[in-house]
Protein backbone atom coordinates (compact mmCIF):
# COMPACT_ATOMS: atom_id res chain seq x y z
CA MET A 1 0.00 0.00 0.00
CA ALA A 2 2.85 2.39 0.79
CA ASP A 3 4.14 2.06 -2.77
CA ARG A 4 0.77 3.42 -4.03
CA GLU A 5 0.92 6.49 -1.80
CA PRO A 6 2.79 8.77 -4.29
CA TRP A 7 0.30 7.85 -7.02
CA LEU A 8 -2.65 8.50 -4.69
CA ARG A 9 -1.21 11.90 -3.68
CA ARG A 10 -0.80 12.88 -7.35
CA GLN A 11 -4.41 11.90 -8.06
CA LEU A 12 -5.72 13.90 -5.11
CA GLU A 13 -3.62 16.94 -6.13
CA ARG A 14 -4.91 16.68 -9.70
CA GLN A 15 -8.51 16.55 -8.48
CA ALA A 16 -7.92 19.56 -6.24
CA ARG A 17 -6.51 21.50 -9.23
CA GLN A 18 -9.54 20.54 -11.31
CA ARG A 19 -11.92 21.76 -8.60
CA GLU A 20 -10.02 25.08 -8.46
CA GLU A 21 -10.21 25.44 -12.26
CA LEU A 22 -13.93 24.69 -12.21
CA ALA A 23 -14.50 27.20 -9.40
CA ALA A 24 -12.52 29.82 -11.36
CA LEU A 25 -15.03 29.56 -14.21
CA GLY A 26 -17.66 30.83 -11.82
CA PRO A 27 -21.27 29.83 -11.29
CA LEU A 28 -23.62 28.93 -14.13
CA ARG A 29 -25.22 32.36 -14.60
CA ASP A 30 -25.20 35.41 -16.82
CA GLY A 31 -21.57 36.51 -17.15
CA GLY A 32 -20.15 33.18 -15.99
CA LEU A 33 -17.53 31.31 -18.00
CA PHE A 34 -18.29 27.99 -19.65
CA GLN A 35 -16.33 25.39 -21.65
CA PHE A 36 -17.67 24.41 -25.07
CA ARG A 37 -15.64 22.42 -27.63
CA GLY A 38 -12.55 22.93 -25.49
CA GLU A 39 -12.75 26.72 -25.48
CA THR A 40 -13.87 29.10 -22.75
CA HIS A 41 -17.05 31.02 -23.57
CA ARG A 42 -18.83 33.70 -21.59
CA LEU A 43 -22.45 32.83 -20.84
CA ARG A 44 -24.92 35.60 -21.61
CA VAL A 45 -28.57 35.33 -20.59
CA VAL A 46 -30.88 37.89 -22.18
CA ALA A 47 -34.59 38.38 -22.75
CA GLY A 48 -35.72 36.94 -26.07
CA PRO A 49 -38.35 38.34 -28.42
CA GLU A 50 -41.96 37.90 -27.38
CA ARG A 51 -43.88 34.85 -28.63
CA ARG A 52 -40.70 33.01 -29.53
CA ARG A 53 -39.10 29.96 -28.02
CA THR A 54 -35.95 30.13 -25.92
CA THR A 55 -32.84 29.85 -28.09
CA VAL A 56 -29.16 29.25 -27.45
CA SER A 57 -26.48 30.33 -29.90
CA ARG A 58 -22.72 30.48 -30.05
CA GLU A 59 -21.62 33.99 -31.01
CA GLY A 60 -18.43 35.98 -31.25
CA GLY A 61 -18.20 38.79 -28.72
CA ASP A 62 -15.82 41.72 -28.37
CA THR A 63 -13.78 39.90 -25.76
CA GLY A 64 -14.25 36.31 -27.01
CA ASP A 65 -16.86 33.73 -27.87
CA GLU A 66 -20.15 33.65 -26.01
CA LEU A 67 -23.01 31.25 -25.51
CA VAL A 68 -26.09 33.46 -25.66
CA VAL A 69 -29.33 32.22 -24.11
CA ARG A 70 -32.35 34.25 -25.27
CA LEU A 71 -35.09 33.43 -22.78
CA SER A 72 -38.70 33.37 -23.88
CA LYS A 73 -41.08 35.09 -21.47
CA ALA A 74 -43.00 31.80 -21.24
CA GLU A 75 -39.89 29.72 -20.45
CA ARG A 76 -40.35 27.50 -17.41
CA ARG A 77 -37.14 25.47 -17.58
CA GLY A 78 -34.06 26.45 -15.59
CA LEU A 79 -30.79 27.54 -17.20
CA THR A 80 -29.16 24.16 -16.55
CA THR A 81 -31.96 22.28 -18.33
CA ILE A 82 -31.92 24.70 -21.28
CA LEU A 83 -28.16 24.42 -21.74
CA GLU A 84 -28.10 20.66 -21.34
CA ALA A 85 -30.74 20.23 -24.07
CA TRP A 86 -28.77 22.51 -26.42
CA LEU A 87 -25.47 20.76 -25.64
CA ARG A 88 -27.00 17.31 -26.13
CA GLU A 89 -28.11 18.31 -29.62
CA ARG A 90 -24.67 19.78 -30.44
CA ALA A 91 -23.09 16.53 -29.17
CA ARG A 92 -25.43 14.43 -31.32
CA ILE A 93 -24.49 16.45 -34.42
CA ALA A 94 -20.73 16.31 -33.71
CA ILE A 95 -20.75 12.58 -32.87
CA ASN A 96 -22.80 11.66 -35.95
CA ARG A 97 -20.45 13.74 -38.12
CA GLU A 98 -17.44 11.82 -36.76
CA ILE A 99 -19.21 8.47 -37.20
CA GLU A 100 -19.88 9.36 -40.85
CA ARG A 101 -16.22 10.38 -41.30
CA HIS A 102 -14.70 7.23 -39.81
CA ALA A 103 -17.19 4.33 -40.14
CA THR A 104 -16.69 3.81 -43.86
CA ALA A 105 -12.89 3.91 -43.56
CA LEU A 106 -13.08 1.33 -40.77
CA ALA A 107 -15.64 -0.75 -42.72
CA VAL A 108 -18.14 -0.76 -39.84
CA ALA A 109 -21.71 0.35 -39.22
CA PRO A 110 -23.28 0.74 -35.79
CA ALA A 111 -26.77 -0.66 -35.27
CA ALA A 112 -27.79 2.34 -33.16
CA VAL A 113 -26.25 5.42 -31.54
CA THR A 114 -27.47 6.98 -28.30
CA ILE A 115 -26.41 10.09 -26.42
CA ARG A 116 -26.47 9.79 -22.63
CA ASP A 117 -24.99 11.29 -19.47
CA ALA A 118 -22.81 8.43 -18.30
CA ARG A 119 -20.59 9.28 -15.33
CA THR A 120 -18.01 6.52 -15.73
CA ARG A 121 -17.51 6.14 -19.51
CA TRP A 122 -17.23 8.57 -22.40
CA GLY A 123 -18.49 5.92 -24.77
CA SER A 124 -19.46 2.28 -24.96
CA CYS A 125 -20.13 -0.43 -27.52
CA SER A 126 -22.41 -3.42 -26.96
CA ARG A 127 -22.16 -6.80 -28.64
CA ALA A 128 -25.39 -5.84 -30.42
CA ARG A 129 -23.33 -3.10 -32.20
CA ARG A 130 -25.04 -0.30 -30.30
CA LEU A 131 -22.84 2.70 -29.52
CA SER A 132 -23.48 5.09 -26.67
CA PHE A 133 -21.70 8.39 -25.99
CA SER A 134 -21.68 10.99 -23.24
CA TRP A 135 -23.08 14.34 -24.37
CA ARG A 136 -20.38 15.98 -22.25
CA LEU A 137 -17.84 15.14 -24.96
CA VAL A 138 -19.03 18.28 -26.74
CA LEU A 139 -17.49 20.33 -23.92
CA ALA A 140 -14.04 18.86 -24.69
CA PRO A 141 -11.81 19.77 -27.65
CA PRO A 142 -13.09 18.22 -30.91
CA GLU A 143 -10.07 15.91 -31.06
CA ALA A 144 -11.09 14.29 -27.76
CA LEU A 145 -14.64 13.69 -29.00
CA GLU A 146 -13.30 12.27 -32.28
CA THR A 147 -10.94 9.93 -30.37
CA VAL A 148 -13.84 8.45 -28.38
CA VAL A 149 -15.90 7.96 -31.55
CA VAL A 150 -12.99 6.19 -33.28
CA HIS A 151 -12.43 4.06 -30.16
CA GLU A 152 -16.04 2.86 -30.10
CA LEU A 153 -16.15 2.29 -33.87
CA ALA A 154 -12.98 0.19 -33.57
CA HIS A 155 -14.85 -2.04 -31.10
CA LEU A 156 -17.18 -2.96 -33.96
CA ARG A 157 -14.15 -4.72 -35.47
CA VAL A 158 -12.36 -5.90 -32.31
CA PHE A 159 -14.35 -6.14 -29.08
CA GLY A 160 -11.44 -6.19 -26.60
CA HIS A 161 -8.50 -3.87 -25.99
CA GLY A 162 -5.66 -5.99 -27.36
CA PRO A 163 -2.85 -4.83 -29.66
CA GLY A 164 -5.01 -5.32 -32.79
CA PHE A 165 -7.65 -3.00 -31.38
CA TRP A 166 -5.15 -0.21 -30.65
CA GLU A 167 -3.66 -0.60 -34.13
CA ILE A 168 -7.10 0.07 -35.61
CA VAL A 169 -7.61 3.13 -33.39
CA ALA A 170 -4.16 4.47 -34.35
CA THR A 171 -4.98 4.27 -38.07
CA ARG A 172 -7.60 6.98 -37.56
CA ARG A 173 -6.22 8.83 -34.48
CA PRO A 174 -2.45 8.32 -34.13
CA ASP A 175 -2.53 10.72 -31.15
CA HIS A 176 -5.30 8.82 -29.31
CA ARG A 177 -3.19 8.44 -26.14
CA LEU A 178 -2.89 12.22 -25.81
CA TRP A 179 -6.67 12.74 -26.02
CA ARG A 180 -7.53 9.80 -23.77
CA ARG A 181 -5.19 11.32 -21.18
CA TRP A 182 -6.81 14.75 -21.70
CA LEU A 183 -10.22 13.26 -20.95
CA ARG A 184 -8.91 11.54 -17.81
CA ASP A 185 -7.27 14.76 -16.63
CA HIS A 186 -10.39 16.91 -17.25
CA ALA A 187 -13.15 14.48 -16.25
CA LEU A 188 -14.07 16.36 -13.09
CA GLU A 189 -14.34 19.64 -15.01
CA LEU A 190 -16.53 18.13 -17.73
CA HIS A 191 -18.83 16.37 -15.29
CA GLY A 192 -19.16 19.49 -13.13
CA ALA A 193 -19.88 21.85 -16.02
CA LEU A 194 -23.59 22.35 -15.37
CA GLU A 195 -23.49 22.30 -11.60
CA PRO A 196 -25.43 25.26 -10.19
CA GLY A 197 -23.36 28.17 -8.94
CA GLU A 198 -23.46 29.84 -5.57
């Protein structure tokens, strides 16, 4: 057990750093900072036009990119629910785009694709050829999302994680180790992204 102590200390220090980084972004509110596709965006919440639905858009601002939420007067959902719905749709689009890009080259076709909010896996593949992905991948840099898609598509050819599997992954994402490590290092941040602020 004593030989694991340095590793455990490093993990605890890394988690503490992640909590500090998440806290530095500020609460989920107008003016708060938010990660989307690996970049920091300012969150702006404004009144939307009457008789229209609430919308969310990514826009360029004077001091950087913003996610702008235009609230309908009739809106009953909270900001977290609104943003999660918008992010899930962006994730679905990005994941489907990467599946289209890589499935043909890998000579595979998933039976179904679902978007979920898994807390322990970024993606999964069942023996029934069903792929599932975390919508939170859309918060990460696009290369991380692409790496997870390639990983799960590769499981449609090789179900385990042996050398043949990693060779397949490397044909599409030679830098897969870098992005898998990025996801491990930023998991706390990505899973805490929509936590309510103070």
